Amino acid sequence: MENIIIGLLLLASVLGLAVIIERGIALRAARIIPPAVQAALEGCRKEADWPVLQRICEDHPSPLSRLVLHAGQRRSWPKAENASALETAARHEVALMERRLVILEMIVGVAPLMGLLGTIWGLIELFGGMSLTGLGDNSSLAGGIAFALNATLFGLIAAIPSLAAWSFYNKKVEDLALRMAALCDQFLIRQYHREKDSEGQEATAWQHP
């Protein structure tokens, strides 16, 4: 039982480290919001600019690129419908950004409990052995105490980095999502900007097919 508990805690530590590294690479700002896409998006102010923006988004796959393509390909829709569809797509992209963070959350909750289980098991074994051998076997006493403490230690080693990473990545996803939302909002505002034509009637600055 001791080996199983320690083995599970070591597995949790390795798994947590792997997720921390993978999410650290995946959630880099340049991968979520490529500078080239952001610059092209901010420079897209008329219909003639759309093909350039579309090409740049296709050349730089990213959550922001997919959202821009999603909105741009529906630019003939009414603004409310396009914004609603874009919001749904944005929730999907945020969910993709948050994937695997649940693993860290599970490690944060389970690892300390596994460590506590190991501690209790070690104490049970310790006192159970003492009832048979008495206090004369110092090696068994030391071994039981060592296992109990090691189980607690391994549980904390697995949980603490996972908790720090989980909190950091959740905040990072929130910040990146807000940045994407601001960029997409500005894109929609420019896309559906209304101006008076020469006859005093409202006309759309972007002429949709």
C-alpha atoms as a PDB file:
ATOM      1  CA  MET A   1       0.000   0.000   0.000  1.00  0.00           C
ATOM      2  CA  GLU A   2       2.847   2.360   0.813  1.00  0.00           C
ATOM      3  CA  ASN A   3       4.373   1.920  -2.647  1.00  0.00           C
ATOM      4  CA  ILE A   4       1.005   2.491  -4.319  1.00  0.00           C
ATOM      5  CA  ILE A   5       0.419   5.764  -2.476  1.00  0.00           C
ATOM      6  CA  ILE A   6       3.917   7.098  -3.125  1.00  0.00           C
ATOM      7  CA  GLY A   7       3.706   5.952  -6.741  1.00  0.00           C
ATOM      8  CA  LEU A   8       0.409   7.785  -7.263  1.00  0.00           C
ATOM      9  CA  LEU A   9       1.808  10.945  -5.727  1.00  0.00           C
ATOM     10  CA  LEU A  10       4.899  10.779  -7.938  1.00  0.00           C
ATOM     11  CA  LEU A  11       2.649  10.244 -10.961  1.00  0.00           C
ATOM     12  CA  ALA A  12       0.592  13.280  -9.959  1.00  0.00           C
ATOM     13  CA  SER A  13       3.753  15.367  -9.678  1.00  0.00           C
ATOM     14  CA  VAL A  14       5.014  14.306 -13.113  1.00  0.00           C
ATOM     15  CA  LEU A  15       1.590  14.827 -14.687  1.00  0.00           C
ATOM     16  CA  GLY A  16       1.248  18.250 -13.098  1.00  0.00           C
ATOM     17  CA  LEU A  17       4.696  19.272 -14.333  1.00  0.00           C
ATOM     18  CA  ALA A  18       3.867  18.094 -17.854  1.00  0.00           C
ATOM     19  CA  VAL A  19       0.631  20.127 -17.898  1.00  0.00           C
ATOM     20  CA  ILE A  20       2.407  23.193 -16.510  1.00  0.00           C
ATOM     21  CA  ILE A  21       5.014  23.056 -19.285  1.00  0.00           C
ATOM     22  CA  GLU A  22       2.470  22.322 -22.033  1.00  0.00           C
ATOM     23  CA  ARG A  23       0.118  25.137 -21.001  1.00  0.00           C
ATOM     24  CA  GLY A  24       3.043  27.507 -20.588  1.00  0.00           C
ATOM     25  CA  ILE A  25       3.931  26.943 -24.243  1.00  0.00           C
ATOM     26  CA  ALA A  26       0.327  26.924 -25.509  1.00  0.00           C
ATOM     27  CA  LEU A  27      -0.730  30.101 -23.680  1.00  0.00           C
ATOM     28  CA  ARG A  28       2.067  32.348 -24.833  1.00  0.00           C
ATOM     29  CA  ALA A  29       0.577  35.681 -25.848  1.00  0.00           C
ATOM     30  CA  ALA A  30       2.202  35.533 -29.292  1.00  0.00           C
ATOM     31  CA  ARG A  31       0.445  32.226 -29.996  1.00  0.00           C
ATOM     32  CA  ILE A  32      -2.967  33.450 -28.870  1.00  0.00           C
ATOM     33  CA  ILE A  33      -2.750  36.967 -30.308  1.00  0.00           C
ATOM     34  CA  PRO A  34      -0.095  36.970 -33.064  1.00  0.00           C
ATOM     35  CA  PRO A  35       1.355  40.471 -33.523  1.00  0.00           C
ATOM     36  CA  ALA A  36       0.927  40.214 -37.318  1.00  0.00           C
ATOM     37  CA  VAL A  37      -2.776  39.431 -36.952  1.00  0.00           C
ATOM     38  CA  GLN A  38      -3.288  42.212 -34.419  1.00  0.00           C
ATOM     39  CA  ALA A  39      -1.572  44.755 -36.669  1.00  0.00           C
ATOM     40  CA  ALA A  40      -3.574  43.662 -39.729  1.00  0.00           C
ATOM     41  CA  LEU A  41      -6.790  43.700 -37.703  1.00  0.00           C
ATOM     42  CA  GLU A  42      -6.207  47.236 -36.487  1.00  0.00           C
ATOM     43  CA  GLY A  43      -5.392  48.324 -40.046  1.00  0.00           C
ATOM     44  CA  CYS A  44      -8.496  46.751 -41.584  1.00  0.00           C
ATOM     45  CA  ARG A  45     -10.803  49.719 -42.014  1.00  0.00           C
ATOM     46  CA  LYS A  46     -12.502  49.170 -45.368  1.00  0.00           C
ATOM     47  CA  GLU A  47     -13.737  46.317 -47.510  1.00  0.00           C
ATOM     48  CA  ALA A  48     -10.608  46.325 -49.673  1.00  0.00           C
ATOM     49  CA  ASP A  49      -8.499  45.505 -46.591  1.00  0.00           C
ATOM     50  CA  TRP A  50     -10.394  42.310 -45.813  1.00  0.00           C
ATOM     51  CA  PRO A  51      -8.551  39.959 -48.247  1.00  0.00           C
ATOM     52  CA  VAL A  52      -5.218  40.976 -46.712  1.00  0.00           C
ATOM     53  CA  LEU A  53      -6.507  40.402 -43.185  1.00  0.00           C
ATOM     54  CA  GLN A  54      -8.010  37.067 -44.195  1.00  0.00           C
ATOM     55  CA  ARG A  55      -4.709  35.888 -45.702  1.00  0.00           C
ATOM     56  CA  ILE A  56      -2.728  36.917 -42.629  1.00  0.00           C
ATOM     57  CA  CYS A  57      -5.186  35.127 -40.321  1.00  0.00           C
ATOM     58  CA  GLU A  58      -4.893  31.974 -42.413  1.00  0.00           C
ATOM     59  CA  ASP A  59      -1.088  32.219 -42.336  1.00  0.00           C
ATOM     60  CA  HIS A  60      -1.045  32.625 -38.525  1.00  0.00           C
ATOM     61  CA  PRO A  61      -3.521  30.101 -37.041  1.00  0.00           C
ATOM     62  CA  SER A  62      -4.523  31.155 -33.536  1.00  0.00           C
ATOM     63  CA  PRO A  63      -7.637  31.745 -31.423  1.00  0.00           C
ATOM     64  CA  LEU A  64      -7.741  35.408 -32.483  1.00  0.00           C
ATOM     65  CA  SER A  65      -7.304  34.458 -36.152  1.00  0.00           C
ATOM     66  CA  ARG A  66     -10.193  32.013 -35.971  1.00  0.00           C
ATOM     67  CA  LEU A  67     -12.446  34.592 -34.336  1.00  0.00           C
ATOM     68  CA  VAL A  68     -11.615  37.238 -36.919  1.00  0.00           C
ATOM     69  CA  LEU A  69     -12.252  34.820 -39.771  1.00  0.00           C
ATOM     70  CA  HIS A  70     -15.499  33.766 -38.096  1.00  0.00           C
ATOM     71  CA  ALA A  71     -16.706  37.382 -37.900  1.00  0.00           C
ATOM     72  CA  GLY A  72     -15.353  38.454 -41.277  1.00  0.00           C
ATOM     73  CA  GLN A  73     -16.938  35.608 -43.175  1.00  0.00           C
ATOM     74  CA  ARG A  74     -20.303  36.637 -41.694  1.00  0.00           C
ATOM     75  CA  ARG A  75     -19.939  40.344 -42.318  1.00  0.00           C
ATOM     76  CA  SER A  76     -23.038  40.316 -44.515  1.00  0.00           C
ATOM     77  CA  TRP A  77     -25.089  39.278 -41.475  1.00  0.00           C
ATOM     78  CA  PRO A  78     -26.826  41.858 -39.276  1.00  0.00           C
ATOM     79  CA  LYS A  79     -24.525  43.118 -36.548  1.00  0.00           C
ATOM     80  CA  ALA A  80     -26.492  41.574 -33.670  1.00  0.00           C
ATOM     81  CA  GLU A  81     -26.453  38.127 -35.275  1.00  0.00           C
ATOM     82  CA  ASN A  82     -22.760  38.329 -36.112  1.00  0.00           C
ATOM     83  CA  ALA A  83     -21.910  39.489 -32.591  1.00  0.00           C
ATOM     84  CA  SER A  84     -23.941  36.656 -31.077  1.00  0.00           C
ATOM     85  CA  ALA A  85     -22.258  34.062 -33.286  1.00  0.00           C
ATOM     86  CA  LEU A  86     -18.857  35.555 -32.479  1.00  0.00           C
ATOM     87  CA  GLU A  87     -19.585  35.365 -28.757  1.00  0.00           C
ATOM     88  CA  THR A  88     -20.381  31.654 -29.080  1.00  0.00           C
ATOM     89  CA  ALA A  89     -17.170  31.073 -31.019  1.00  0.00           C
ATOM     90  CA  ALA A  90     -15.218  33.042 -28.405  1.00  0.00           C
ATOM     91  CA  ARG A  91     -16.543  30.851 -25.593  1.00  0.00           C
ATOM     92  CA  HIS A  92     -15.363  27.812 -27.545  1.00  0.00           C
ATOM     93  CA  GLU A  93     -11.891  29.309 -27.981  1.00  0.00           C
ATOM     94  CA  VAL A  94     -11.651  30.152 -24.276  1.00  0.00           C
ATOM     95  CA  ALA A  95     -12.658  26.583 -23.434  1.00  0.00           C
ATOM     96  CA  LEU A  96      -9.836  25.331 -25.655  1.00  0.00           C
ATOM     97  CA  MET A  97      -7.402  27.660 -23.894  1.00  0.00           C
ATOM     98  CA  GLU A  98      -8.549  26.302 -20.518  1.00  0.00           C
ATOM     99  CA  ARG A  99      -8.254  22.640 -21.484  1.00  0.00           C
ATOM    100  CA  ARG A 100      -6.013  20.510 -19.273  1.00  0.00           C
ATOM    101  CA  LEU A 101      -6.192  23.115 -16.507  1.00  0.00           C
ATOM    102  CA  VAL A 102      -8.773  20.838 -14.914  1.00  0.00           C
ATOM    103  CA  ILE A 103      -5.949  18.322 -14.443  1.00  0.00           C
ATOM    104  CA  LEU A 104      -4.083  20.834 -12.301  1.00  0.00           C
ATOM    105  CA  GLU A 105      -7.272  21.555 -10.368  1.00  0.00           C
ATOM    106  CA  MET A 106      -7.745  17.845  -9.695  1.00  0.00           C
ATOM    107  CA  ILE A 107      -4.142  17.458  -8.546  1.00  0.00           C
ATOM    108  CA  VAL A 108      -4.572  20.420  -6.195  1.00  0.00           C
ATOM    109  CA  GLY A 109      -7.583  18.717  -4.600  1.00  0.00           C
ATOM    110  CA  VAL A 110      -6.478  15.087  -4.659  1.00  0.00           C
ATOM    111  CA  ALA A 111      -2.729  15.173  -3.927  1.00  0.00           C
ATOM    112  CA  PRO A 112      -2.997  16.537  -0.358  1.00  0.00           C
ATOM    113  CA  LEU A 113      -5.730  14.000   0.381  1.00  0.00           C
ATOM    114  CA  MET A 114      -3.526  11.210  -0.979  1.00  0.00           C
ATOM    115  CA  GLY A 115      -0.727  12.493   1.222  1.00  0.00           C
ATOM    116  CA  LEU A 116      -3.056  12.513   4.216  1.00  0.00           C
ATOM    117  CA  LEU A 117      -4.154   8.987   3.357  1.00  0.00           C
ATOM    118  CA  GLY A 118      -0.526   7.906   3.299  1.00  0.00           C
ATOM    119  CA  THR A 119       0.104   9.586   6.638  1.00  0.00           C
ATOM    120  CA  ILE A 120      -2.860   7.875   8.266  1.00  0.00           C
ATOM    121  CA  TRP A 121      -1.919   4.524   6.727  1.00  0.00           C
ATOM    122  CA  GLY A 122       1.645   4.908   7.983  1.00  0.00           C
ATOM    123  CA  LEU A 123       0.458   5.704  11.497  1.00  0.00           C
ATOM    124  CA  ILE A 124      -1.925   2.758  11.470  1.00  0.00           C
ATOM    125  CA  GLU A 125       0.903   0.450  10.407  1.00  0.00           C
ATOM    126  CA  LEU A 126       3.186   2.020  12.990  1.00  0.00           C
ATOM    127  CA  PHE A 127       0.855   1.607  15.949  1.00  0.00           C
ATOM    128  CA  GLY A 128      -0.272  -1.781  14.716  1.00  0.00           C
ATOM    129  CA  GLY A 129       3.337  -2.954  14.726  1.00  0.00           C
ATOM    130  CA  MET A 130       3.970  -1.415  18.113  1.00  0.00           C
ATOM    131  CA  SER A 131       1.090  -3.437  19.574  1.00  0.00           C
ATOM    132  CA  LEU A 132       2.930  -6.599  18.548  1.00  0.00           C
ATOM    133  CA  THR A 133       6.570  -5.693  19.131  1.00  0.00           C
ATOM    134  CA  GLY A 134       6.324  -2.957  21.725  1.00  0.00           C
ATOM    135  CA  LEU A 135       8.655   0.013  21.720  1.00  0.00           C
ATOM    136  CA  GLY A 136      11.857  -1.990  21.426  1.00  0.00           C
ATOM    137  CA  ASP A 137      12.036  -2.022  17.603  1.00  0.00           C
ATOM    138  CA  ASN A 138      13.351   1.455  16.845  1.00  0.00           C
ATOM    139  CA  SER A 139      13.863   0.728  13.133  1.00  0.00           C
ATOM    140  CA  SER A 140      10.186  -0.093  12.621  1.00  0.00           C
ATOM    141  CA  LEU A 141       9.193   2.989  14.576  1.00  0.00           C
ATOM    142  CA  ALA A 142      11.464   5.235  12.493  1.00  0.00           C
ATOM    143  CA  GLY A 143      10.303   3.612   9.249  1.00  0.00           C
ATOM    144  CA  GLY A 144       6.641   4.168  10.055  1.00  0.00           C
ATOM    145  CA  ILE A 145       7.195   7.800  10.985  1.00  0.00           C
ATOM    146  CA  ALA A 146       9.334   8.357   7.881  1.00  0.00           C
ATOM    147  CA  PHE A 147       6.653   6.977   5.573  1.00  0.00           C
ATOM    148  CA  ALA A 148       3.950   9.074   7.220  1.00  0.00           C
ATOM    149  CA  LEU A 149       6.005  12.239   6.779  1.00  0.00           C
ATOM    150  CA  ASN A 150       7.084  11.336   3.242  1.00  0.00           C
ATOM    151  CA  ALA A 151       3.485  10.844   2.175  1.00  0.00           C
ATOM    152  CA  THR A 152       2.578  14.302   3.437  1.00  0.00           C
ATOM    153  CA  LEU A 153       5.651  15.794   1.779  1.00  0.00           C
ATOM    154  CA  PHE A 154       4.961  14.215  -1.612  1.00  0.00           C
ATOM    155  CA  GLY A 155       1.334  15.345  -1.446  1.00  0.00           C
ATOM    156  CA  LEU A 156       2.402  18.940  -0.873  1.00  0.00           C
ATOM    157  CA  ILE A 157       5.113  18.756  -3.544  1.00  0.00           C
ATOM    158  CA  ALA A 158       2.461  17.696  -6.064  1.00  0.00           C
ATOM    159  CA  ALA A 159      -0.186  20.186  -4.941  1.00  0.00           C
ATOM    160  CA  ILE A 160       1.689  23.456  -4.368  1.00  0.00           C
ATOM    161  CA  PRO A 161       3.175  23.949  -7.879  1.00  0.00           C
ATOM    162  CA  SER A 162      -0.103  22.820  -9.441  1.00  0.00           C
ATOM    163  CA  LEU A 163      -2.050  25.352  -7.371  1.00  0.00           C
ATOM    164  CA  ALA A 164       0.311  28.179  -8.317  1.00  0.00           C
ATOM    165  CA  ALA A 165       0.210  27.240 -12.012  1.00  0.00           C
ATOM    166  CA  TRP A 166      -3.569  26.778 -12.022  1.00  0.00           C
ATOM    167  CA  SER A 167      -4.106  30.238 -10.525  1.00  0.00           C
ATOM    168  CA  PHE A 168      -1.588  31.846 -12.889  1.00  0.00           C
ATOM    169  CA  TYR A 169      -2.956  30.211 -16.050  1.00  0.00           C
ATOM    170  CA  ASN A 170      -6.569  30.973 -15.176  1.00  0.00           C
ATOM    171  CA  LYS A 171      -5.661  34.639 -14.784  1.00  0.00           C
ATOM    172  CA  LYS A 172      -3.681  34.544 -18.019  1.00  0.00           C
ATOM    173  CA  VAL A 173      -6.592  33.008 -19.944  1.00  0.00           C
ATOM    174  CA  GLU A 174      -8.890  35.703 -18.553  1.00  0.00           C
ATOM    175  CA  ASP A 175      -6.505  38.477 -19.597  1.00  0.00           C
ATOM    176  CA  LEU A 176      -6.007  37.041 -23.091  1.00  0.00           C
ATOM    177  CA  ALA A 177      -9.757  36.586 -23.515  1.00  0.00           C
ATOM    178  CA  LEU A 178     -10.338  40.233 -22.584  1.00  0.00           C
ATOM    179  CA  ARG A 179      -7.707  41.366 -25.085  1.00  0.00           C
ATOM    180  CA  MET A 180      -9.281  39.272 -27.847  1.00  0.00           C
ATOM    181  CA  ALA A 181     -12.728  40.593 -26.945  1.00  0.00           C
ATOM    182  CA  ALA A 182     -11.521  44.192 -27.188  1.00  0.00           C
ATOM    183  CA  LEU A 183      -9.901  43.583 -30.582  1.00  0.00           C
ATOM    184  CA  CYS A 184     -12.961  41.790 -31.941  1.00  0.00           C
ATOM    185  CA  ASP A 185     -15.278  44.496 -30.633  1.00  0.00           C
ATOM    186  CA  GLN A 186     -13.251  47.159 -32.413  1.00  0.00           C
ATOM    187  CA  PHE A 187     -13.324  45.044 -35.564  1.00  0.00           C
ATOM    188  CA  LEU A 188     -17.115  44.799 -35.452  1.00  0.00           C
ATOM    189  CA  ILE A 189     -17.480  48.503 -34.724  1.00  0.00           C
ATOM    190  CA  ARG A 190     -15.416  49.389 -37.791  1.00  0.00           C
ATOM    191  CA  GLN A 191     -17.180  46.740 -39.859  1.00  0.00           C
ATOM    192  CA  TYR A 192     -20.659  48.050 -39.119  1.00  0.00           C
ATOM    193  CA  HIS A 193     -19.776  51.715 -38.880  1.00  0.00           C
ATOM    194  CA  ARG A 194     -22.582  53.848 -40.347  1.00  0.00           C
ATOM    195  CA  GLU A 195     -22.050  57.045 -42.219  1.00  0.00           C
ATOM    196  CA  LYS A 196     -24.342  59.392 -44.092  1.00  0.00           C
ATOM    197  CA  ASP A 197     -24.228  59.078 -47.832  1.00  0.00           C
ATOM    198  CA  SER A 198     -24.538  62.012 -50.191  1.00  0.00           C
ATOM    199  CA  GLU A 199     -28.338  61.856 -50.041  1.00  0.00           C
ATOM    200  CA  GLY A 200     -28.521  61.914 -46.257  1.00  0.00           C
ATOM    201  CA  GLN A 201     -29.448  58.235 -46.017  1.00  0.00           C
ATOM    202  CA  GLU A 202     -27.544  55.821 -43.791  1.00  0.00           C
ATOM    203  CA  ALA A 203     -25.092  53.645 -45.684  1.00  0.00           C
ATOM    204  CA  THR A 204     -22.731  50.960 -44.474  1.00  0.00           C
ATOM    205  CA  ALA A 205     -19.064  51.783 -44.804  1.00  0.00           C
ATOM    206  CA  TRP A 206     -18.369  48.156 -45.721  1.00  0.00           C
ATOM    207  CA  GLN A 207     -20.309  47.181 -48.810  1.00  0.00           C
ATOM    208  CA  HIS A 208     -21.353  43.574 -48.369  1.00  0.00           C
ATOM    209  CA  PRO A 209     -22.162  41.329 -51.324  1.00  0.00           C
END
